[in-house]
Protein backbone atom coordinates (compact mmCIF):
# COMPACT_ATOMS: atom_id res chain seq x y z
CA MET A 1 214.07 -136.15 90.72
CA MET A 2 215.27 -133.27 93.20
CA ARG A 3 215.13 -130.81 89.75
CA ARG A 4 211.62 -131.89 89.52
CA LEU A 5 210.57 -131.34 92.97
CA ASN A 6 212.26 -128.11 93.20
CA ARG A 7 210.72 -126.74 90.14
CA LYS A 8 207.39 -128.26 91.71
CA ASN A 9 207.99 -126.09 94.64
CA LEU A 10 209.06 -122.89 92.76
CA VAL A 11 205.75 -122.70 90.67
CA GLN A 12 203.44 -123.60 94.22
CA GLU A 13 205.31 -120.72 95.45
CA LEU A 14 204.16 -118.75 92.50
CA ASP A 15 200.70 -119.33 92.59
CA ALA A 16 198.48 -116.34 93.43
CA PHE A 17 195.39 -118.12 94.27
CA PRO A 18 196.46 -120.25 97.49
CA LYS A 19 193.74 -122.80 98.33
CA VAL A 20 192.03 -122.71 101.97
CA PRO A 21 191.29 -125.75 103.79
CA GLU A 22 187.54 -126.56 104.02
CA SER A 23 188.05 -127.22 108.06
CA TYR A 24 189.06 -123.68 108.15
CA VAL A 25 185.88 -122.08 106.17
CA GLU A 26 183.08 -121.06 108.02
CA THR A 27 180.06 -120.39 106.57
CA THR A 28 177.23 -118.13 107.95
CA ALA A 29 173.42 -117.35 107.02
CA SER A 30 174.60 -113.73 106.03
CA GLY A 31 177.49 -114.98 103.82
CA GLY A 32 174.98 -117.03 102.00
CA THR A 33 172.65 -114.08 101.70
CA VAL A 34 175.24 -112.11 100.43
CA SER A 35 176.20 -114.76 98.04
CA LEU A 36 172.83 -115.33 96.62
CA ILE A 37 172.03 -111.28 95.96
CA ALA A 38 175.32 -111.28 94.30
CA PHE A 39 174.75 -114.22 92.36
CA THR A 40 171.37 -113.63 91.25
CA THR A 41 172.35 -109.60 90.44
CA MET A 42 175.53 -111.28 88.05
CA ALA A 43 173.11 -113.32 86.17
CA VAL A 44 170.79 -110.23 85.79
CA LEU A 45 173.58 -108.00 84.71
CA ALA A 46 175.25 -110.42 82.22
CA ILE A 47 171.77 -110.95 80.56
CA LEU A 48 171.77 -107.03 80.09
CA GLU A 49 175.01 -107.17 78.75
CA PHE A 50 174.58 -109.73 76.39
CA PHE A 51 171.50 -107.45 74.87
CA VAL A 52 173.58 -105.02 74.55
CA TYR A 53 175.88 -106.60 72.84
CA GLN A 54 173.39 -107.44 70.19
CA HIS A 55 172.56 -104.23 69.66
CA THR A 56 174.35 -102.01 66.88
CA TRP A 57 174.36 -98.08 66.61
CA MET A 58 174.89 -96.15 63.38
CA LYS A 59 178.09 -93.75 63.14
CA TYR A 60 178.20 -90.96 61.08
CA GLU A 61 181.44 -89.51 59.51
CA TYR A 62 181.73 -86.29 57.11
CA GLU A 63 183.98 -85.73 54.51
CA VAL A 64 184.32 -83.62 51.13
CA ASP A 65 182.28 -85.35 47.72
CA LYS A 66 184.69 -85.21 45.27
CA ASP A 67 182.32 -87.31 42.75
CA PHE A 68 180.77 -84.38 40.40
CA SER A 69 181.14 -86.31 36.71
CA SER A 70 178.59 -88.67 37.80
CA LYS A 71 174.91 -88.39 37.42
CA LEU A 72 172.28 -87.99 40.05
CA ARG A 73 168.97 -90.13 39.97
CA LEU A 74 165.71 -88.54 40.76
CA ASN A 75 163.34 -90.70 41.56
CA ILE A 76 159.33 -89.03 41.23
CA ASP A 77 155.77 -90.15 42.05
CA VAL A 78 153.68 -87.36 41.95
CA THR A 79 149.59 -86.88 41.49
CA VAL A 80 148.39 -83.84 39.62
CA ALA A 81 144.60 -83.02 39.85
CA MET A 82 144.82 -82.23 35.96
CA ARG A 83 144.60 -84.24 32.94
CA CYS A 84 147.49 -85.64 31.58
CA GLN A 85 147.54 -83.93 28.06
CA TYR A 86 147.24 -80.20 29.79
CA ILE A 87 150.71 -80.72 32.08
CA GLY A 88 154.22 -81.18 31.33
CA ALA A 89 157.15 -81.72 33.21
CA ASP A 90 160.94 -81.26 32.85
CA VAL A 91 164.44 -80.70 34.49
CA LEU A 92 166.19 -77.35 33.90
CA ASP A 93 169.67 -77.12 35.85
CA LEU A 94 172.13 -74.43 36.03
CA ALA A 95 174.51 -75.65 33.20
CA GLU A 96 171.03 -74.89 31.06
CA THR A 97 170.89 -78.81 30.54
CA MET A 98 166.93 -79.53 29.87
CA VAL A 99 166.15 -83.31 30.69
CA ALA A 100 162.82 -83.93 29.13
CA ALA A 101 160.11 -86.06 31.00
CA SER A 102 159.89 -88.40 28.14
CA ASP A 103 163.77 -89.50 29.22
CA GLY A 104 162.41 -91.92 32.01
CA LEU A 105 158.73 -90.44 33.37
CA THR A 106 155.26 -92.31 32.98
CA TYR A 107 152.16 -90.28 32.73
CA GLU A 108 149.17 -92.48 33.52
CA PRO A 109 145.80 -91.39 34.17
CA VAL A 110 143.81 -91.92 37.83
CA HIS A 111 141.64 -90.48 39.99
CA PHE A 112 143.13 -87.98 42.33
CA ASP A 113 141.05 -89.09 45.65
CA LEU A 114 142.38 -91.73 47.34
CA SER A 115 140.54 -95.18 48.59
CA PRO A 116 139.91 -95.80 52.18
CA LEU A 117 143.02 -98.27 52.17
CA GLN A 118 145.21 -95.90 50.15
CA ARG A 119 144.01 -92.94 52.91
CA ILE A 120 144.71 -94.94 55.92
CA TRP A 121 148.45 -95.45 54.39
CA GLN A 122 148.72 -91.73 53.87
CA ARG A 123 147.84 -90.92 57.02
CA THR A 124 149.99 -93.26 58.48
CA LEU A 125 152.81 -92.36 56.46
CA LEU A 126 152.24 -88.76 57.78
CA HIS A 127 152.24 -89.74 61.15
CA ILE A 128 155.42 -91.02 60.44
CA GLN A 129 156.92 -88.00 59.33
CA SER A 130 155.82 -86.20 62.13
CA ARG A 131 157.53 -88.55 64.94
CA LEU A 132 160.67 -88.37 62.70
CA GLN A 133 160.49 -84.47 62.91
CA GLU A 134 160.52 -84.25 66.75
CA GLU A 135 162.54 -87.88 67.41
CA HIS A 136 165.76 -87.66 64.94
CA SER A 137 166.82 -90.86 66.41
CA LEU A 138 164.05 -92.98 64.56
CA GLN A 139 165.81 -92.70 61.82
CA ASP A 140 168.52 -94.58 62.74
CA VAL A 141 165.69 -97.11 63.09
CA LEU A 142 165.11 -96.57 59.43
CA PHE A 143 168.67 -97.49 58.46
CA LYS A 144 168.79 -100.31 60.50
CA SER A 145 165.54 -101.99 58.81
CA VAL A 146 166.29 -101.45 55.41
CA PHE A 147 166.59 -104.17 52.79
CA LYS A 148 166.61 -104.85 49.11
CA GLY A 149 164.04 -104.74 47.21
CA ALA A 150 160.78 -102.89 45.59
CA PRO A 151 160.54 -99.45 47.20
CA THR A 152 157.58 -98.70 49.83
CA SER A 153 154.88 -96.91 47.37
CA LEU A 154 150.92 -96.14 47.32
CA PRO A 155 149.18 -99.38 47.63
CA PRO A 156 146.75 -100.24 44.33
CA ARG A 157 143.09 -98.93 44.88
CA GLU A 158 140.62 -101.48 46.00
CA ASP A 159 137.88 -100.15 44.65
CA ASN A 160 137.05 -99.46 40.92
CA PRO A 161 135.25 -95.87 40.68
CA SER A 162 132.61 -95.06 38.07
CA GLN A 163 134.22 -91.96 37.00
CA PRO A 164 136.81 -91.40 34.50
CA PRO A 165 140.04 -90.50 35.78
CA SER A 166 140.43 -86.58 35.78
CA ALA A 167 143.84 -86.52 37.27
CA CYS A 168 147.22 -87.65 36.43
CA ARG A 169 150.00 -89.51 37.92
CA ILE A 170 153.91 -88.68 36.88
CA HIS A 171 156.26 -91.29 38.02
CA GLY A 172 159.39 -92.71 37.07
CA HIS A 173 163.26 -91.49 37.60
CA LEU A 174 165.64 -89.26 35.60
CA TYR A 175 168.99 -88.48 35.35
CA VAL A 176 170.42 -85.13 35.75
CA ASN A 177 173.96 -83.59 36.45
CA LYS A 178 175.02 -83.14 39.87
CA VAL A 179 174.49 -79.31 40.02
CA ALA A 180 171.86 -77.24 41.23
CA GLY A 181 168.42 -77.44 38.85
CA ASN A 182 164.95 -77.27 38.86
CA PHE A 183 162.42 -79.90 38.53
CA HIS A 184 158.80 -78.83 38.08
CA ILE A 185 155.41 -79.54 36.28
CA THR A 186 153.41 -76.74 34.77
CA VAL A 187 150.67 -76.13 31.75
CA GLY A 188 151.78 -77.27 28.73
CA LYS A 189 153.92 -79.73 27.34
CA ALA A 190 157.88 -78.78 27.42
CA ILE A 191 159.80 -78.10 24.19
CA PRO A 192 163.51 -76.88 23.62
CA HIS A 193 164.02 -73.80 23.56
CA PRO A 194 167.69 -71.78 22.23
CA ARG A 195 167.47 -69.60 25.22
CA GLY A 196 166.12 -72.52 27.46
CA HIS A 197 162.74 -74.25 27.04
CA ALA A 198 159.33 -73.12 27.35
CA HIS A 199 156.06 -74.85 28.00
CA LEU A 200 152.82 -75.00 25.12
CA ALA A 201 150.27 -73.58 27.30
CA ALA A 202 148.58 -70.83 25.04
CA LEU A 203 145.50 -73.13 24.17
CA ILE A 204 144.75 -74.40 27.78
CA SER A 205 142.04 -72.42 29.32
CA HIS A 206 142.85 -70.97 33.23
CA ASP A 207 139.83 -72.45 33.99
CA THR A 208 141.38 -76.10 33.83
CA TYR A 209 144.03 -75.04 35.98
CA ASN A 210 144.41 -76.97 39.09
CA PHE A 211 147.51 -77.53 40.56
CA SER A 212 146.50 -79.81 43.65
CA HIS A 213 149.18 -82.53 44.07
CA ARG A 214 150.26 -85.22 46.09
CA VAL A 215 153.85 -86.59 46.57
CA ASP A 216 153.95 -90.41 46.90
CA HIS A 217 157.53 -90.62 46.44
CA LEU A 218 160.81 -88.51 46.11
CA SER A 219 164.19 -89.23 46.50
CA PHE A 220 167.53 -89.06 44.73
CA GLY A 221 169.92 -91.66 44.27
CA GLU A 222 169.72 -95.20 44.43
CA GLU A 223 166.25 -96.43 45.51
CA ILE A 224 166.04 -98.14 49.40
CA PRO A 225 163.34 -99.64 50.42
CA GLY A 226 162.00 -98.58 54.08
CA ILE A 227 163.57 -95.27 53.86
CA ILE A 228 161.06 -92.44 54.62
CA ASN A 229 162.05 -89.32 52.55
CA PRO A 230 160.85 -85.90 53.98
CA LEU A 231 157.77 -85.33 51.49
CA ASP A 232 156.85 -88.68 51.03
CA GLY A 233 152.93 -88.70 51.55
CA THR A 234 152.42 -84.97 51.40
CA GLU A 235 149.19 -83.15 49.88
CA LYS A 236 148.76 -79.83 48.76
CA ILE A 237 145.38 -78.64 47.54
CA SER A 238 144.90 -75.68 45.49
CA VAL A 239 142.26 -72.96 46.14
CA GLU A 240 142.96 -70.78 43.18
CA HIS A 241 143.34 -71.89 39.49
CA ASN A 242 146.57 -69.79 39.13
CA HIS A 243 148.85 -71.39 41.95
CA MET A 244 152.39 -71.84 42.44
CA PHE A 245 153.70 -74.63 44.86
CA GLN A 246 157.62 -74.40 45.66
CA TYR A 247 159.93 -76.56 47.26
CA PHE A 248 163.47 -76.01 48.01
CA ILE A 249 165.52 -78.96 48.62
CA THR A 250 169.00 -79.28 49.66
CA ILE A 251 170.81 -82.80 49.21
CA VAL A 252 173.34 -84.58 51.11
CA PRO A 253 175.16 -87.18 49.20
CA THR A 254 174.95 -90.46 51.67
CA LYS A 255 176.92 -93.62 51.72
CA LEU A 256 174.76 -96.23 53.72
CA LYS A 257 176.74 -99.45 55.00
CA THR A 258 174.82 -101.41 57.05
CA HIS A 259 174.59 -105.32 58.02
CA LYS A 260 171.65 -105.65 55.59
CA ILE A 261 172.47 -103.57 52.51
CA SER A 262 175.15 -101.26 51.22
CA ALA A 263 174.01 -98.65 49.09
CA ASP A 264 174.64 -95.01 47.77
CA THR A 265 171.82 -92.49 48.29
CA HIS A 266 170.97 -89.10 49.36
CA GLN A 267 169.47 -87.55 51.96
CA PHE A 268 167.48 -84.06 51.63
CA SER A 269 166.09 -81.52 53.73
CA VAL A 270 162.94 -79.28 52.42
CA THR A 271 161.29 -76.00 53.18
CA GLU A 272 158.09 -74.99 51.72
CA GLN A 273 156.61 -72.11 49.92
CA GLU A 274 153.23 -71.53 47.90
CA ARG A 275 151.09 -68.61 46.41
CA VAL A 276 148.31 -67.24 44.65
CA ILE A 277 149.83 -65.78 41.20
CA ASN A 278 147.65 -62.75 40.50
CA HIS A 279 149.51 -59.86 38.44
CA ALA A 280 147.08 -57.04 39.32
CA THR A 281 148.42 -57.55 43.43
CA GLY A 282 152.39 -58.03 42.14
CA SER A 283 152.17 -61.63 43.03
CA HIS A 284 153.86 -62.58 39.86
CA GLY A 285 155.35 -66.27 38.46
CA VAL A 286 154.04 -69.31 36.49
CA SER A 287 151.54 -71.27 38.21
CA GLY A 288 152.87 -74.84 38.64
CA ILE A 289 154.71 -77.56 40.92
CA PHE A 290 158.68 -76.29 41.52
CA MET A 291 161.07 -78.30 43.08
CA LYS A 292 164.22 -76.65 43.55
CA TYR A 293 167.18 -78.28 44.56
CA ASP A 294 170.71 -77.97 45.41
CA ILE A 295 173.61 -80.39 45.94
CA SER A 296 175.86 -79.92 49.34
CA SER A 297 179.71 -80.63 49.09
CA LEU A 298 179.52 -82.64 52.04
CA MET A 299 179.00 -86.56 51.76
CA VAL A 300 177.97 -88.23 54.92
CA THR A 301 178.94 -92.18 55.34
CA VAL A 302 176.53 -93.80 57.78
CA THR A 303 178.05 -97.28 59.11
CA GLU A 304 176.33 -99.83 61.60
CA GLN A 305 178.43 -100.80 63.95
CA HIS A 306 178.50 -103.61 66.38
CA MET A 307 180.45 -104.33 69.81
CA PRO A 308 183.78 -106.48 69.52
CA PHE A 309 183.16 -109.78 70.98
CA TRP A 310 186.42 -109.32 73.02
CA GLN A 311 184.94 -106.13 74.21
CA PHE A 312 182.11 -108.10 75.42
CA LEU A 313 184.12 -110.43 77.10
CA VAL A 314 186.22 -107.89 78.96
CA ARG A 315 182.78 -106.07 80.06
CA LEU A 316 181.50 -109.17 81.19
CA CYS A 317 184.87 -110.16 83.37
CA GLY A 318 184.35 -106.57 84.54
CA ILE A 319 181.21 -107.40 85.84
CA ILE A 320 181.64 -110.75 87.76
CA GLY A 321 185.11 -109.33 89.29
CA GLY A 322 183.15 -106.13 90.37
CA ILE A 323 180.35 -107.48 92.19
CA PHE A 324 182.51 -110.13 93.86
CA SER A 325 184.97 -107.27 95.17
CA THR A 326 181.87 -104.96 96.02
CA THR A 327 179.65 -107.67 97.84
CA GLY A 328 182.86 -108.56 99.60
CA MET A 329 183.93 -105.19 101.15
CA VAL A 330 180.14 -104.25 101.79
CA HIS A 331 179.64 -107.81 103.63
CA GLY A 332 182.86 -107.45 105.76
CA LEU A 333 181.98 -103.72 106.48
CA VAL A 334 178.64 -104.24 107.64
CA GLY A 335 179.79 -106.80 109.75
CA PHE A 336 182.56 -104.88 111.59
CA LEU A 337 179.77 -102.14 111.84
CA VAL A 338 177.25 -104.55 113.50
CA ASP A 339 180.57 -106.26 116.24
CA ILE A 340 180.86 -102.51 117.06
CA VAL A 341 177.29 -101.53 117.76
CA CYS A 342 177.02 -105.18 119.59
CA CYS A 343 180.04 -104.56 121.66
CA ARG A 344 179.06 -100.96 122.76
CA PHE A 345 175.42 -101.98 123.86
CA LYS A 346 176.02 -105.46 124.56
CA LEU A 347 173.67 -107.24 122.32
CA GLY A 348 174.11 -110.84 120.78
CA THR A 349 177.54 -112.40 121.51
CA TYR A 350 178.49 -109.78 123.48
CA LYS A 351 175.48 -109.89 126.19
CA PRO A 352 176.65 -110.70 129.47
CA LYS A 353 176.17 -114.04 130.87
CA ASP A 354 174.86 -115.52 134.70
CA VAL A 355 176.78 -117.83 136.26
CA SER A 356 176.03 -119.61 138.99
CA LEU A 357 178.54 -119.56 142.02
CA LEU A 358 178.92 -122.39 144.72
CA ASP A 359 177.09 -121.01 147.43
CA GLY A 360 173.90 -120.47 145.39
CA HIS A 361 174.46 -116.74 144.32
CA VAL A 362 174.20 -115.45 140.87
CA ASN A 363 177.17 -113.26 139.35
CA ASN A 364 175.96 -111.44 136.58
CA HIS A 365 179.35 -109.83 135.68
CA THR A 366 181.24 -111.13 132.47
CA PRO A 367 183.84 -113.66 133.46
CA LEU A 368 187.01 -113.16 132.98
CA ILE A 369 188.95 -114.82 129.94
CA THR A 370 191.50 -117.67 130.87
CA GLU A 371 193.64 -119.93 128.73
CA ASN A 372 190.89 -122.59 129.35
CA ASN A 373 188.32 -120.72 127.77
CA LYS A 374 190.41 -119.72 124.94
CA HIS A 375 190.12 -123.68 123.77
């Protein structure tokens, strides 16, 4: 029994939170006001901290891409203002490997002019493109919002034009080597050649040349819906029959890991150049659309991260404890300053009290403090 009492007394002595009897606790209006402000502040900050806990951010990591043996998927959807029998598309890389369009591309006769609904879609896409160039952080929002499914593409026409189609939509995908290459669309169908390749363009009149085009989609790697690529929605109008459009593309392999999707894709940057082909003025070349791409040796891993639950608890405890301590110190400091001011200028409880004497006179001096007054 004595041992239990000794242990109990020892535990009580180790109590770091001693309890004060309620009879010794004095409540004041100022203390209640400060407590109300403190509890309100804690509630607001706790709610805001919960929103921060639900928020995620993207972490970027860089490393050398060691995979050069696999194939690179090229996804293309381009509409050219020429008939399908007049143009051809293929890929030629630095290894002199030719990938014909028949391996995965489809030629579809369409109308080049967009319908009202399609034009609204294109304008919206171009507006998003301009915002992405100004606010690079919006790309993180797109990464978080991706989901598996069909890629975002031009909506179908809601009208039925009476005139026959005069343009050609080239869409599909090709698998190319992971080396620099050139995807191009020019006059005539491509044929293999011992020294490269050639296009049968001799029988096509120059008056039919019109390389006005619209890039509805261009991406590399796995198609991910919700990702807007730099050339999506781009439209170029040719003012001359012999016109060359060039796109210089730098591809960066990217691994995307979010809570919704995990995919191997590729980001890319692009610069554009166009000129009229006129041999008389020294502007030589071949009319057509040329997309020259090169692959970076660096790979980017984009991972969506979330605040751990234990860190959320630590931050929440810091908010509650910090507000309690801060408001207590501020309340004590303000009370101390108020007491100094009141004592200096004889205000409040420090104001002299009028004491009536036995002979009817009034003594306005502060009475002496005696032992009886203390009690």
